[in-house]
Amino acid sequence: MYHEIEGNLSIEPIIFDDDELIARGQHYPYSEIESLEITSAPLFSSYGILTLRTQGKDHAIPFYRSRKSKLELALRDFNKLREGGDSGQPGAAQTAQTAGRTVSDPYEELKKLKELLDLGIVTEEEFNIKKKQLLDL
């Protein structure tokens, strides 16, 4: 997977590489990313905020609102990769659980997933599959 969300002089590009996210001069291995979501993209603002959570800390990463659809596509691919994609291999979320890290409340996870569905980042089918997993149905 490779996606580059272009920046310009005041906003740096966001790069989704094979195994890490590169933003604002920092390298974030996918295995260390706890969550990644668009938390703000006001209608009349020229930029939005991508919030990356790693090691219990949130990092605000600005992006140009005109690049939002490209960022949403990158997030969709990122989430597929986290869930193990088509390979059947455990994704980063499953790896974090087995590594003894704290697993968040399934209802909070479901709320976040619903937001991703509403934004069009995940499909209805992906939402329903993950919902069943979270609620042990």
N, C-alpha and C. Protein backbone atom coordinates (compact mmCIF):
# COMPACT_ATOMS: atom_id res chain seq x y z
N MET A 1 0.84 -1.17 0.00
CA MET A 1 0.00 0.00 0.00
C MET A 1 0.89 1.24 0.00
N TYR A 2 0.59 2.17 -0.85
CA TYR A 2 1.30 3.44 -0.85
C TYR A 2 0.32 4.54 -1.24
N HIS A 3 0.20 5.55 -0.38
CA HIS A 3 -0.62 6.72 -0.67
C HIS A 3 0.16 7.94 -0.23
N GLU A 4 0.12 8.97 -1.05
CA GLU A 4 0.73 10.24 -0.66
C GLU A 4 -0.33 11.32 -0.77
N ILE A 5 -0.63 11.95 0.34
CA ILE A 5 -1.56 13.05 0.37
C ILE A 5 -0.71 14.31 0.31
N GLU A 6 -0.80 15.01 -0.80
CA GLU A 6 0.07 16.14 -1.07
C GLU A 6 -0.14 17.28 -0.08
N GLY A 7 0.92 17.99 0.15
CA GLY A 7 0.88 19.19 0.98
C GLY A 7 1.31 20.37 0.13
N ASN A 8 1.79 21.42 0.79
CA ASN A 8 2.41 22.55 0.10
C ASN A 8 3.37 23.22 1.08
N LEU A 9 3.61 24.50 0.94
CA LEU A 9 4.60 25.15 1.78
C LEU A 9 4.27 25.11 3.27
N SER A 10 3.00 25.24 3.64
CA SER A 10 2.66 25.31 5.06
C SER A 10 2.17 23.98 5.63
N ILE A 11 1.74 23.05 4.80
CA ILE A 11 1.27 21.76 5.27
C ILE A 11 2.06 20.67 4.56
N GLU A 12 2.72 19.84 5.38
CA GLU A 12 3.57 18.78 4.82
C GLU A 12 2.72 17.62 4.29
N PRO A 13 3.26 16.86 3.35
CA PRO A 13 2.52 15.70 2.84
C PRO A 13 2.37 14.62 3.92
N ILE A 14 1.37 13.77 3.74
CA ILE A 14 1.15 12.61 4.60
C ILE A 14 1.36 11.40 3.72
N ILE A 15 2.26 10.51 4.14
CA ILE A 15 2.60 9.36 3.31
C ILE A 15 2.27 8.07 4.05
N PHE A 16 1.44 7.24 3.42
CA PHE A 16 1.15 5.90 3.91
C PHE A 16 2.05 4.96 3.12
N ASP A 17 3.09 4.45 3.75
CA ASP A 17 4.03 3.55 3.09
C ASP A 17 3.65 2.11 3.43
N ASP A 18 4.47 1.15 3.04
CA ASP A 18 4.14 -0.25 3.25
C ASP A 18 3.93 -0.61 4.72
N ASP A 19 4.73 -0.05 5.62
CA ASP A 19 4.63 -0.44 7.02
C ASP A 19 4.68 0.73 8.00
N GLU A 20 4.59 1.96 7.48
CA GLU A 20 4.62 3.11 8.37
C GLU A 20 3.91 4.30 7.75
N LEU A 21 3.51 5.21 8.63
CA LEU A 21 2.92 6.47 8.21
C LEU A 21 3.98 7.54 8.46
N ILE A 22 4.17 8.40 7.49
CA ILE A 22 5.16 9.47 7.61
C ILE A 22 4.40 10.79 7.54
N ALA A 23 4.51 11.58 8.61
CA ALA A 23 3.80 12.86 8.67
C ALA A 23 4.56 13.82 9.57
N ARG A 24 4.66 15.06 9.12
CA ARG A 24 5.32 16.12 9.89
C ARG A 24 6.74 15.73 10.29
N GLY A 25 7.44 15.01 9.41
CA GLY A 25 8.81 14.61 9.67
C GLY A 25 8.97 13.44 10.62
N GLN A 26 7.88 12.84 11.05
CA GLN A 26 7.92 11.71 11.97
C GLN A 26 7.52 10.42 11.25
N HIS A 27 8.09 9.31 11.68
CA HIS A 27 7.76 7.99 11.15
C HIS A 27 7.00 7.23 12.22
N TYR A 28 5.78 6.78 11.88
CA TYR A 28 4.94 6.04 12.82
C TYR A 28 4.70 4.64 12.27
N PRO A 29 5.36 3.62 12.83
CA PRO A 29 5.11 2.24 12.37
C PRO A 29 3.63 1.89 12.58
N TYR A 30 3.04 1.21 11.61
CA TYR A 30 1.63 0.84 11.72
C TYR A 30 1.36 0.05 12.98
N SER A 31 2.30 -0.78 13.39
CA SER A 31 2.10 -1.62 14.57
C SER A 31 1.95 -0.80 15.85
N GLU A 32 2.39 0.46 15.83
CA GLU A 32 2.30 1.31 17.02
C GLU A 32 1.13 2.28 16.98
N ILE A 33 0.40 2.32 15.86
CA ILE A 33 -0.72 3.25 15.74
C ILE A 33 -1.95 2.61 16.38
N GLU A 34 -2.48 3.29 17.39
CA GLU A 34 -3.67 2.81 18.10
C GLU A 34 -4.95 3.20 17.37
N SER A 35 -4.99 4.40 16.83
CA SER A 35 -6.14 4.84 16.04
C SER A 35 -5.69 5.95 15.10
N LEU A 36 -6.47 6.09 14.04
CA LEU A 36 -6.17 7.07 13.01
C LEU A 36 -7.50 7.49 12.42
N GLU A 37 -7.87 8.77 12.59
CA GLU A 37 -9.17 9.20 12.10
C GLU A 37 -9.18 10.69 11.80
N ILE A 38 -10.06 11.04 10.88
CA ILE A 38 -10.27 12.45 10.58
C ILE A 38 -11.17 12.99 11.68
N THR A 39 -10.66 13.92 12.46
CA THR A 39 -11.43 14.43 13.59
C THR A 39 -12.02 15.81 13.32
N SER A 40 -11.51 16.48 12.30
CA SER A 40 -12.03 17.80 11.98
C SER A 40 -11.74 18.12 10.52
N ALA A 41 -12.78 18.53 9.83
CA ALA A 41 -12.64 19.03 8.46
C ALA A 41 -13.78 20.02 8.23
N PRO A 42 -13.72 21.18 8.91
CA PRO A 42 -14.79 22.16 8.82
C PRO A 42 -15.08 22.58 7.38
N LEU A 43 -16.33 22.79 7.11
CA LEU A 43 -16.78 23.07 5.75
C LEU A 43 -16.08 24.26 5.12
N PHE A 44 -15.93 25.35 5.85
CA PHE A 44 -15.37 26.56 5.26
C PHE A 44 -13.89 26.75 5.55
N SER A 45 -13.26 25.76 6.12
CA SER A 45 -11.83 25.83 6.39
C SER A 45 -11.08 25.22 5.21
N SER A 46 -9.88 25.67 4.99
CA SER A 46 -9.08 25.12 3.88
C SER A 46 -8.34 23.86 4.29
N TYR A 47 -8.36 23.53 5.58
CA TYR A 47 -7.66 22.33 6.03
C TYR A 47 -8.50 21.56 7.04
N GLY A 48 -8.12 20.30 7.24
CA GLY A 48 -8.75 19.43 8.23
C GLY A 48 -7.66 18.87 9.13
N ILE A 49 -8.09 18.08 10.11
CA ILE A 49 -7.15 17.49 11.05
C ILE A 49 -7.32 15.97 11.05
N LEU A 50 -6.22 15.27 10.84
CA LEU A 50 -6.15 13.83 10.99
C LEU A 50 -5.53 13.60 12.36
N THR A 51 -6.23 12.84 13.21
CA THR A 51 -5.70 12.57 14.55
C THR A 51 -5.14 11.17 14.60
N LEU A 52 -3.87 11.08 14.94
CA LEU A 52 -3.16 9.82 15.06
C LEU A 52 -2.90 9.59 16.54
N ARG A 53 -3.27 8.42 17.04
CA ARG A 53 -3.04 8.09 18.45
C ARG A 53 -2.00 6.98 18.50
N THR A 54 -0.91 7.26 19.22
CA THR A 54 0.15 6.28 19.41
C THR A 54 0.73 6.46 20.80
N GLN A 55 1.00 5.37 21.47
CA GLN A 55 1.54 5.37 22.83
C GLN A 55 0.70 6.24 23.76
N GLY A 56 -0.63 6.20 23.58
CA GLY A 56 -1.54 6.94 24.44
C GLY A 56 -1.60 8.43 24.19
N LYS A 57 -0.91 8.92 23.16
CA LYS A 57 -0.90 10.36 22.86
C LYS A 57 -1.53 10.62 21.51
N ASP A 58 -2.27 11.71 21.42
CA ASP A 58 -2.87 12.13 20.15
C ASP A 58 -1.93 13.12 19.46
N HIS A 59 -1.81 12.94 18.15
CA HIS A 59 -1.00 13.83 17.32
C HIS A 59 -1.92 14.39 16.24
N ALA A 60 -2.03 15.72 16.19
CA ALA A 60 -2.86 16.38 15.18
C ALA A 60 -2.02 16.60 13.93
N ILE A 61 -2.51 16.08 12.82
CA ILE A 61 -1.81 16.21 11.55
C ILE A 61 -2.72 16.97 10.58
N PRO A 62 -2.34 18.17 10.18
CA PRO A 62 -3.19 18.93 9.26
C PRO A 62 -3.09 18.38 7.84
N PHE A 63 -4.19 18.53 7.10
CA PHE A 63 -4.20 18.17 5.68
C PHE A 63 -5.11 19.14 4.95
N TYR A 64 -4.90 19.29 3.66
CA TYR A 64 -5.76 20.17 2.87
C TYR A 64 -7.10 19.50 2.64
N ARG A 65 -8.17 20.23 2.95
CA ARG A 65 -9.51 19.70 2.82
C ARG A 65 -9.80 19.21 1.40
N SER A 66 -9.18 19.83 0.43
CA SER A 66 -9.38 19.40 -0.96
C SER A 66 -8.80 18.00 -1.21
N ARG A 67 -7.98 17.51 -0.29
CA ARG A 67 -7.38 16.17 -0.41
C ARG A 67 -8.11 15.15 0.46
N LYS A 68 -9.25 15.53 1.02
CA LYS A 68 -9.95 14.67 1.98
C LYS A 68 -10.34 13.33 1.36
N SER A 69 -10.84 13.31 0.14
CA SER A 69 -11.27 12.04 -0.45
C SER A 69 -10.06 11.11 -0.66
N LYS A 70 -8.92 11.66 -1.00
CA LYS A 70 -7.71 10.85 -1.16
C LYS A 70 -7.26 10.30 0.19
N LEU A 71 -7.39 11.12 1.24
CA LEU A 71 -7.04 10.67 2.58
C LEU A 71 -8.00 9.58 3.05
N GLU A 72 -9.29 9.72 2.75
CA GLU A 72 -10.26 8.70 3.13
C GLU A 72 -9.95 7.36 2.46
N LEU A 73 -9.52 7.40 1.22
CA LEU A 73 -9.12 6.17 0.51
C LEU A 73 -7.91 5.54 1.21
N ALA A 74 -6.95 6.36 1.58
CA ALA A 74 -5.76 5.85 2.29
C ALA A 74 -6.15 5.24 3.63
N LEU A 75 -7.09 5.88 4.34
CA LEU A 75 -7.55 5.34 5.62
C LEU A 75 -8.29 4.02 5.44
N ARG A 76 -9.06 3.91 4.38
CA ARG A 76 -9.76 2.65 4.09
C ARG A 76 -8.74 1.53 3.87
N ASP A 77 -7.71 1.80 3.09
CA ASP A 77 -6.68 0.79 2.85
C ASP A 77 -5.91 0.48 4.14
N PHE A 78 -5.64 1.51 4.94
CA PHE A 78 -4.96 1.33 6.23
C PHE A 78 -5.78 0.40 7.12
N ASN A 79 -7.09 0.65 7.21
CA ASN A 79 -7.95 -0.18 8.06
C ASN A 79 -8.02 -1.62 7.56
N LYS A 80 -8.04 -1.81 6.25
CA LYS A 80 -8.02 -3.17 5.71
C LYS A 80 -6.72 -3.87 6.09
N LEU A 81 -5.62 -3.15 6.02
CA LEU A 81 -4.32 -3.70 6.38
C LEU A 81 -4.29 -4.06 7.87
N ARG A 82 -4.84 -3.19 8.71
CA ARG A 82 -4.90 -3.46 10.16
C ARG A 82 -5.69 -4.71 10.47
N GLU A 83 -6.73 -4.93 9.73
CA GLU A 83 -7.59 -6.09 9.97
C GLU A 83 -7.04 -7.35 9.30
N GLY A 84 -5.90 -7.26 8.68
CA GLY A 84 -5.28 -8.43 8.07
C GLY A 84 -5.57 -8.56 6.59
N GLY A 85 -6.41 -7.65 6.04
CA GLY A 85 -6.69 -7.68 4.61
C GLY A 85 -7.17 -9.02 4.13
N ASP A 86 -6.84 -9.38 2.93
CA ASP A 86 -7.26 -10.64 2.33
C ASP A 86 -6.30 -11.77 2.67
N SER A 87 -5.18 -11.45 3.31
CA SER A 87 -4.16 -12.47 3.55
C SER A 87 -4.50 -13.39 4.70
N GLY A 88 -5.46 -12.98 5.55
CA GLY A 88 -5.80 -13.80 6.71
C GLY A 88 -4.80 -13.66 7.84
N GLN A 89 -3.78 -12.83 7.68
CA GLN A 89 -2.80 -12.61 8.72
C GLN A 89 -3.36 -11.65 9.75
N PRO A 90 -2.99 -11.78 11.01
CA PRO A 90 -3.51 -10.85 12.00
C PRO A 90 -3.04 -9.44 11.71
N GLY A 91 -3.94 -8.47 11.86
CA GLY A 91 -3.61 -7.08 11.64
C GLY A 91 -3.00 -6.47 12.88
N ALA A 92 -2.67 -5.20 12.79
CA ALA A 92 -2.04 -4.51 13.92
C ALA A 92 -2.96 -4.47 15.13
N ALA A 93 -4.28 -4.35 14.90
CA ALA A 93 -5.21 -4.31 16.04
C ALA A 93 -5.18 -5.63 16.81
N GLN A 94 -5.15 -6.74 16.09
CA GLN A 94 -5.10 -8.04 16.75
C GLN A 94 -3.75 -8.23 17.43
N THR A 95 -2.68 -7.77 16.80
CA THR A 95 -1.35 -7.88 17.38
C THR A 95 -1.27 -7.10 18.68
N ALA A 96 -1.87 -5.90 18.72
CA ALA A 96 -1.86 -5.09 19.94
C ALA A 96 -2.59 -5.82 21.07
N GLN A 97 -3.66 -6.51 20.76
CA GLN A 97 -4.39 -7.23 21.79
C GLN A 97 -3.54 -8.36 22.36
N THR A 98 -2.87 -9.09 21.49
CA THR A 98 -2.08 -10.22 21.96
C THR A 98 -0.80 -9.78 22.64
N ALA A 99 -0.37 -8.55 22.42
CA ALA A 99 0.84 -8.04 23.06
C ALA A 99 0.56 -7.55 24.47
N GLY A 100 -0.68 -7.66 24.93
CA GLY A 100 -1.02 -7.29 26.29
C GLY A 100 -1.38 -5.83 26.46
N ARG A 101 -1.55 -5.10 25.38
CA ARG A 101 -1.96 -3.71 25.50
C ARG A 101 -3.44 -3.65 25.87
N THR A 102 -3.84 -2.53 26.41
CA THR A 102 -5.22 -2.36 26.81
C THR A 102 -6.12 -2.32 25.58
N VAL A 103 -7.20 -3.10 25.63
CA VAL A 103 -8.17 -3.11 24.55
C VAL A 103 -9.31 -2.19 24.96
N SER A 104 -9.70 -1.30 24.06
CA SER A 104 -10.73 -0.33 24.41
C SER A 104 -12.11 -0.96 24.47
N ASP A 105 -13.04 -0.23 25.02
CA ASP A 105 -14.42 -0.64 25.15
C ASP A 105 -15.02 -0.92 23.77
N PRO A 106 -15.66 -2.08 23.58
CA PRO A 106 -16.22 -2.40 22.26
C PRO A 106 -17.27 -1.40 21.80
N TYR A 107 -18.00 -0.79 22.74
CA TYR A 107 -19.01 0.18 22.35
C TYR A 107 -18.37 1.48 21.85
N GLU A 108 -17.24 1.86 22.44
CA GLU A 108 -16.50 3.02 21.95
C GLU A 108 -15.94 2.73 20.55
N GLU A 109 -15.43 1.51 20.39
CA GLU A 109 -14.92 1.11 19.07
C GLU A 109 -16.04 1.17 18.04
N LEU A 110 -17.23 0.74 18.43
CA LEU A 110 -18.39 0.74 17.53
C LEU A 110 -18.78 2.16 17.15
N LYS A 111 -18.71 3.10 18.12
CA LYS A 111 -19.01 4.50 17.82
C LYS A 111 -18.02 5.05 16.79
N LYS A 112 -16.75 4.75 16.98
CA LYS A 112 -15.73 5.22 16.03
C LYS A 112 -15.95 4.61 14.65
N LEU A 113 -16.29 3.33 14.65
CA LEU A 113 -16.54 2.64 13.38
C LEU A 113 -17.74 3.24 12.66
N LYS A 114 -18.77 3.62 13.41
CA LYS A 114 -19.96 4.24 12.82
C LYS A 114 -19.59 5.57 12.19
N GLU A 115 -18.70 6.33 12.84
CA GLU A 115 -18.24 7.59 12.27
C GLU A 115 -17.52 7.34 10.95
N LEU A 116 -16.70 6.29 10.90
CA LEU A 116 -15.99 5.95 9.66
C LEU A 116 -16.98 5.56 8.58
N LEU A 117 -18.04 4.85 8.96
CA LEU A 117 -19.08 4.48 8.00
C LEU A 117 -19.77 5.73 7.48
N ASP A 118 -20.12 6.65 8.37
CA ASP A 118 -20.79 7.88 7.97
C ASP A 118 -19.92 8.74 7.05
N LEU A 119 -18.61 8.67 7.25
CA LEU A 119 -17.68 9.42 6.40
C LEU A 119 -17.40 8.71 5.08
N GLY A 120 -17.85 7.46 4.98
CA GLY A 120 -17.61 6.70 3.76
C GLY A 120 -16.25 6.05 3.72
N ILE A 121 -15.56 5.98 4.86
CA ILE A 121 -14.23 5.39 4.91
C ILE A 121 -14.31 3.88 4.92
N VAL A 122 -15.33 3.34 5.58
CA VAL A 122 -15.57 1.90 5.54
C VAL A 122 -16.93 1.65 4.89
N THR A 123 -17.09 0.49 4.30
CA THR A 123 -18.35 0.14 3.65
C THR A 123 -19.33 -0.41 4.68
N GLU A 124 -20.59 -0.49 4.27
CA GLU A 124 -21.63 -1.06 5.13
C GLU A 124 -21.28 -2.50 5.50
N GLU A 125 -20.75 -3.25 4.52
CA GLU A 125 -20.37 -4.64 4.76
C GLU A 125 -19.25 -4.73 5.79
N GLU A 126 -18.22 -3.89 5.64
CA GLU A 126 -17.11 -3.88 6.59
C GLU A 126 -17.60 -3.50 7.98
N PHE A 127 -18.51 -2.52 8.04
CA PHE A 127 -19.08 -2.10 9.32
C PHE A 127 -19.79 -3.26 10.00
N ASN A 128 -20.63 -3.97 9.25
CA ASN A 128 -21.41 -5.07 9.84
C ASN A 128 -20.52 -6.21 10.32
N ILE A 129 -19.48 -6.51 9.56
CA ILE A 129 -18.55 -7.58 9.96
C ILE A 129 -17.86 -7.21 11.27
N LYS A 130 -17.34 -5.99 11.33
CA LYS A 130 -16.63 -5.56 12.53
C LYS A 130 -17.59 -5.42 13.72
N LYS A 131 -18.82 -4.99 13.46
CA LYS A 131 -19.83 -4.87 14.52
C LYS A 131 -20.09 -6.25 15.16
N LYS A 132 -20.22 -7.26 14.31
CA LYS A 132 -20.44 -8.62 14.83
C LYS A 132 -19.25 -9.07 15.67
N GLN A 133 -18.04 -8.74 15.22
CA GLN A 133 -16.84 -9.12 15.97
C GLN A 133 -16.80 -8.42 17.33
N LEU A 134 -17.09 -7.13 17.32
CA LEU A 134 -17.03 -6.34 18.56
C LEU A 134 -18.08 -6.76 19.58
N LEU A 135 -19.25 -7.15 19.09
CA LEU A 135 -20.35 -7.51 19.99
C LEU A 135 -20.45 -9.01 20.22
N ASP A 136 -19.49 -9.77 19.70
CA ASP A 136 -19.48 -11.21 19.84
C ASP A 136 -20.79 -11.87 19.40
N LEU A 137 -21.29 -11.44 18.24
CA LEU A 137 -22.54 -12.00 17.71
C LEU A 137 -22.28 -13.16 16.78
